[in-house]
C-alpha atoms as a PDB file:
ATOM      1  CA  UNK A   1     -29.160 101.733  -4.964  1.00  0.00           C
ATOM      2  CA  UNK A   2     -29.302 105.483  -4.396  1.00  0.00           C
ATOM      3  CA  UNK A   3     -28.742 107.141  -1.055  1.00  0.00           C
ATOM      4  CA  UNK A   4     -31.621 108.966   0.608  1.00  0.00           C
ATOM      5  CA  UNK A   5     -31.360 112.751   1.058  1.00  0.00           C
ATOM      6  CA  UNK A   6     -30.764 112.186   4.773  1.00  0.00           C
ATOM      7  CA  UNK A   7     -27.972 109.670   4.045  1.00  0.00           C
ATOM      8  CA  UNK A   8     -26.301 112.058   1.592  1.00  0.00           C
ATOM      9  CA  UNK A   9     -26.487 114.955   4.067  1.00  0.00           C
ATOM     10  CA  UNK A  10     -25.012 112.842   6.862  1.00  0.00           C
ATOM     11  CA  UNK A  11     -22.316 111.508   4.519  1.00  0.00           C
ATOM     12  CA  UNK A  12     -21.221 114.975   3.365  1.00  0.00           C
ATOM     13  CA  UNK A  13     -20.992 116.318   6.911  1.00  0.00           C
ATOM     14  CA  UNK A  14     -19.170 113.191   8.124  1.00  0.00           C
ATOM     15  CA  UNK A  15     -16.674 113.380   5.229  1.00  0.00           C
ATOM     16  CA  UNK A  16     -15.808 117.012   6.012  1.00  0.00           C
ATOM     17  CA  UNK A  17     -15.494 116.276   9.742  1.00  0.00           C
ATOM     18  CA  UNK A  18     -13.371 113.168   9.135  1.00  0.00           C
ATOM     19  CA  UNK A  19     -11.000 115.044   6.807  1.00  0.00           C
ATOM     20  CA  UNK A  20     -10.682 117.851   9.359  1.00  0.00           C
ATOM     21  CA  UNK A  21      -9.834 115.344  12.108  1.00  0.00           C
ATOM     22  CA  UNK A  22      -7.119 113.758   9.951  1.00  0.00           C
ATOM     23  CA  UNK A  23      -8.549 110.222  10.233  1.00  0.00           C
ATOM     24  CA  UNK A  24      -7.448 109.267   6.724  1.00  0.00           C
ATOM     25  CA  UNK A  25      -8.186 105.569   7.177  1.00  0.00           C
ATOM     26  CA  UNK A  26     -11.833 106.446   7.879  1.00  0.00           C
ATOM     27  CA  UNK A  27     -11.834 108.864   4.912  1.00  0.00           C
ATOM     28  CA  UNK A  28     -10.566 106.116   2.606  1.00  0.00           C
ATOM     29  CA  UNK A  29     -13.421 103.872   3.801  1.00  0.00           C
ATOM     30  CA  UNK A  30     -15.820 106.518   2.444  1.00  0.00           C
ATOM     31  CA  UNK A  31     -14.303 106.579  -1.073  1.00  0.00           C
ATOM     32  CA  UNK A  32     -14.520 104.219  -4.042  1.00  0.00           C
ATOM     33  CA  UNK A  33     -11.382 102.542  -5.378  1.00  0.00           C
ATOM     34  CA  UNK A  34     -11.598 104.742  -8.494  1.00  0.00           C
ATOM     35  CA  UNK A  35     -12.275 107.981  -6.576  1.00  0.00           C
ATOM     36  CA  UNK A  36     -11.185 111.196  -8.319  1.00  0.00           C
ATOM     37  CA  UNK A  37     -11.011 114.791  -7.078  1.00  0.00           C
ATOM     38  CA  UNK A  38     -10.642 117.300  -9.909  1.00  0.00           C
ATOM     39  CA  UNK A  39      -9.159 120.754  -9.301  1.00  0.00           C
ATOM     40  CA  UNK A  40      -9.467 123.359 -12.070  1.00  0.00           C
ATOM     41  CA  UNK A  41      -6.473 124.596 -14.053  1.00  0.00           C
ATOM     42  CA  UNK A  42      -7.067 128.118 -12.665  1.00  0.00           C
ATOM     43  CA  UNK A  43      -5.968 126.967  -9.195  1.00  0.00           C
ATOM     44  CA  UNK A  44      -2.443 126.299  -7.899  1.00  0.00           C
ATOM     45  CA  UNK A  45      -3.437 122.745  -6.878  1.00  0.00           C
ATOM     46  CA  UNK A  46      -4.735 121.980 -10.400  1.00  0.00           C
ATOM     47  CA  UNK A  47      -5.003 118.366 -11.393  1.00  0.00           C
ATOM     48  CA  UNK A  48      -6.818 115.148 -10.664  1.00  0.00           C
ATOM     49  CA  UNK A  49      -6.163 113.293  -7.423  1.00  0.00           C
ATOM     50  CA  UNK A  50      -7.066 109.616  -7.805  1.00  0.00           C
ATOM     51  CA  UNK A  51      -7.730 106.552  -5.697  1.00  0.00           C
ATOM     52  CA  UNK A  52      -8.549 106.069  -2.055  1.00  0.00           C
ATOM     53  CA  UNK A  53      -5.522 108.206  -1.101  1.00  0.00           C
ATOM     54  CA  UNK A  54      -6.426 110.976  -3.547  1.00  0.00           C
ATOM     55  CA  UNK A  55      -8.364 113.112  -1.096  1.00  0.00           C
ATOM     56  CA  UNK A  56      -5.576 112.929   1.472  1.00  0.00           C
ATOM     57  CA  UNK A  57      -3.058 113.931  -1.213  1.00  0.00           C
ATOM     58  CA  UNK A  58      -5.207 116.904  -2.252  1.00  0.00           C
ATOM     59  CA  UNK A  59      -5.784 117.940   1.375  1.00  0.00           C
ATOM     60  CA  UNK A  60      -2.028 117.811   2.039  1.00  0.00           C
ATOM     61  CA  UNK A  61      -1.270 119.907  -1.058  1.00  0.00           C
ATOM     62  CA  UNK A  62      -3.908 122.534  -0.192  1.00  0.00           C
ATOM     63  CA  UNK A  63      -2.917 122.775   3.478  1.00  0.00           C
ATOM     64  CA  UNK A  64       0.702 123.199   2.389  1.00  0.00           C
ATOM     65  CA  UNK A  65      -0.326 126.185   0.258  1.00  0.00           C
ATOM     66  CA  UNK A  66      -2.753 128.025   2.556  1.00  0.00           C
ATOM     67  CA  UNK A  67      -3.564 128.273   6.251  1.00  0.00           C
ATOM     68  CA  UNK A  68      -7.236 127.316   6.551  1.00  0.00           C
ATOM     69  CA  UNK A  69      -8.865 128.309   9.820  1.00  0.00           C
ATOM     70  CA  UNK A  70     -12.251 126.792   9.046  1.00  0.00           C
ATOM     71  CA  UNK A  71     -14.601 125.417   6.436  1.00  0.00           C
ATOM     72  CA  UNK A  72     -18.285 126.181   6.885  1.00  0.00           C
ATOM     73  CA  UNK A  73     -20.984 124.324   4.973  1.00  0.00           C
ATOM     74  CA  UNK A  74     -23.708 126.911   4.474  1.00  0.00           C
ATOM     75  CA  UNK A  75     -26.077 124.915   2.297  1.00  0.00           C
ATOM     76  CA  UNK A  76     -26.459 121.612   0.527  1.00  0.00           C
ATOM     77  CA  UNK A  77     -28.278 120.871  -2.737  1.00  0.00           C
ATOM     78  CA  UNK A  78     -29.131 117.222  -3.301  1.00  0.00           C
ATOM     79  CA  UNK A  79     -29.698 115.313  -6.520  1.00  0.00           C
ATOM     80  CA  UNK A  80     -30.317 111.654  -7.282  1.00  0.00           C
ATOM     81  CA  UNK A  81     -26.659 110.627  -6.959  1.00  0.00           C
ATOM     82  CA  UNK A  82     -24.860 113.837  -6.060  1.00  0.00           C
ATOM     83  CA  UNK A  83     -24.720 116.630  -3.518  1.00  0.00           C
ATOM     84  CA  UNK A  84     -23.455 120.178  -3.972  1.00  0.00           C
ATOM     85  CA  UNK A  85     -22.128 121.745  -0.787  1.00  0.00           C
ATOM     86  CA  UNK A  86     -22.006 125.549  -0.625  1.00  0.00           C
ATOM     87  CA  UNK A  87     -18.906 126.392   1.406  1.00  0.00           C
ATOM     88  CA  UNK A  88     -16.993 129.282   2.921  1.00  0.00           C
ATOM     89  CA  UNK A  89     -13.282 128.651   3.495  1.00  0.00           C
ATOM     90  CA  UNK A  90     -11.832 131.016   6.073  1.00  0.00           C
ATOM     91  CA  UNK A  91      -8.107 131.605   6.288  1.00  0.00           C
ATOM     92  CA  UNK A  92      -6.005 132.005   9.436  1.00  0.00           C
ATOM     93  CA  UNK A  93      -5.044 135.540   8.404  1.00  0.00           C
ATOM     94  CA  UNK A  94      -8.212 137.567   9.151  1.00  0.00           C
ATOM     95  CA  UNK A  95      -7.198 140.224   6.612  1.00  0.00           C
ATOM     96  CA  UNK A  96      -7.758 137.710   3.792  1.00  0.00           C
ATOM     97  CA  UNK A  97     -11.190 137.459   2.207  1.00  0.00           C
ATOM     98  CA  UNK A  98     -12.745 134.021   2.618  1.00  0.00           C
ATOM     99  CA  UNK A  99     -12.979 131.752  -0.411  1.00  0.00           C
ATOM    100  CA  UNK A 100     -16.516 130.995  -1.549  1.00  0.00           C
ATOM    101  CA  UNK A 101     -16.917 127.684  -3.331  1.00  0.00           C
ATOM    102  CA  UNK A 102     -19.204 124.792  -4.122  1.00  0.00           C
ATOM    103  CA  UNK A 103     -18.117 121.181  -4.112  1.00  0.00           C
ATOM    104  CA  UNK A 104     -20.040 118.616  -6.102  1.00  0.00           C
ATOM    105  CA  UNK A 105     -19.795 115.112  -4.649  1.00  0.00           C
ATOM    106  CA  UNK A 106     -20.931 112.143  -6.720  1.00  0.00           C
ATOM    107  CA  UNK A 107     -21.985 108.926  -4.984  1.00  0.00           C
ATOM    108  CA  UNK A 108     -21.973 105.311  -6.088  1.00  0.00           C
ATOM    109  CA  UNK A 109     -22.853 102.357  -3.874  1.00  0.00           C
ATOM    110  CA  UNK A 110     -23.013 104.484  -0.735  1.00  0.00           C
ATOM    111  CA  UNK A 111     -19.495 105.871  -1.274  1.00  0.00           C
ATOM    112  CA  UNK A 112     -18.084 109.036  -2.810  1.00  0.00           C
ATOM    113  CA  UNK A 113     -16.573 108.431  -6.256  1.00  0.00           C
ATOM    114  CA  UNK A 114     -15.887 112.013  -7.354  1.00  0.00           C
ATOM    115  CA  UNK A 115     -15.470 115.560  -6.017  1.00  0.00           C
ATOM    116  CA  UNK A 116     -15.378 118.661  -8.229  1.00  0.00           C
ATOM    117  CA  UNK A 117     -14.814 122.003  -6.449  1.00  0.00           C
ATOM    118  CA  UNK A 118     -15.940 125.251  -8.113  1.00  0.00           C
ATOM    119  CA  UNK A 119     -14.400 128.459  -6.713  1.00  0.00           C
ATOM    120  CA  UNK A 120     -16.416 131.648  -7.196  1.00  0.00           C
ATOM    121  CA  UNK A 121     -13.244 133.760  -7.422  1.00  0.00           C
ATOM    122  CA  UNK A 122      -9.962 131.826  -7.682  1.00  0.00           C
ATOM    123  CA  UNK A 123      -8.049 135.084  -7.021  1.00  0.00           C
ATOM    124  CA  UNK A 124      -9.077 134.872  -3.349  1.00  0.00           C
ATOM    125  CA  UNK A 125      -7.402 131.463  -3.033  1.00  0.00           C
ATOM    126  CA  UNK A 126      -4.327 132.729  -4.905  1.00  0.00           C
ATOM    127  CA  UNK A 127      -4.086 135.643  -2.429  1.00  0.00           C
ATOM    128  CA  UNK A 128      -4.084 133.181   0.473  1.00  0.00           C
ATOM    129  CA  UNK A 129      -1.274 131.209  -1.214  1.00  0.00           C
ATOM    130  CA  UNK A 130       0.789 134.396  -1.617  1.00  0.00           C
ATOM    131  CA  UNK A 131       0.122 135.386   2.016  1.00  0.00           C
ATOM    132  CA  UNK A 132       1.330 132.031   3.350  1.00  0.00           C
ATOM    133  CA  UNK A 133       4.402 132.079   1.099  1.00  0.00           C
ATOM    134  CA  UNK A 134       5.218 135.576   2.357  1.00  0.00           C
ATOM    135  CA  UNK A 135       4.792 134.488   5.963  1.00  0.00           C
ATOM    136  CA  UNK A 136       7.174 131.575   5.402  1.00  0.00           C
ATOM    137  CA  UNK A 137       9.814 133.718   3.660  1.00  0.00           C
END
């Protein structure tokens, strides 16, 4: 049974808000047992993060690398069983350019089973990693 466009939109926004609030138990309730988040080899958090705890693990890795001040969903494209969120990730250091990315979420049975982020320019994310490392040094 596929989700309606309204259900997918609400799900995407609720997943982002729930991750931001740190309610990882609620996040896990939104993911399938075989959930996978895939990060490209061009990024410092490259790899596949699996299982209900995979998104928390990825979030922890990313937040350890960069200081994110906000994530804005600017648009959402919907398919039969997926949604592609167009996002702007702003960093705490205002001198850093924001990262522009899209995240494809795949749904099965009313839950998210896969997330694949696509960064427009990975160098922007790398710059934020270097800035945080320099601030910690």
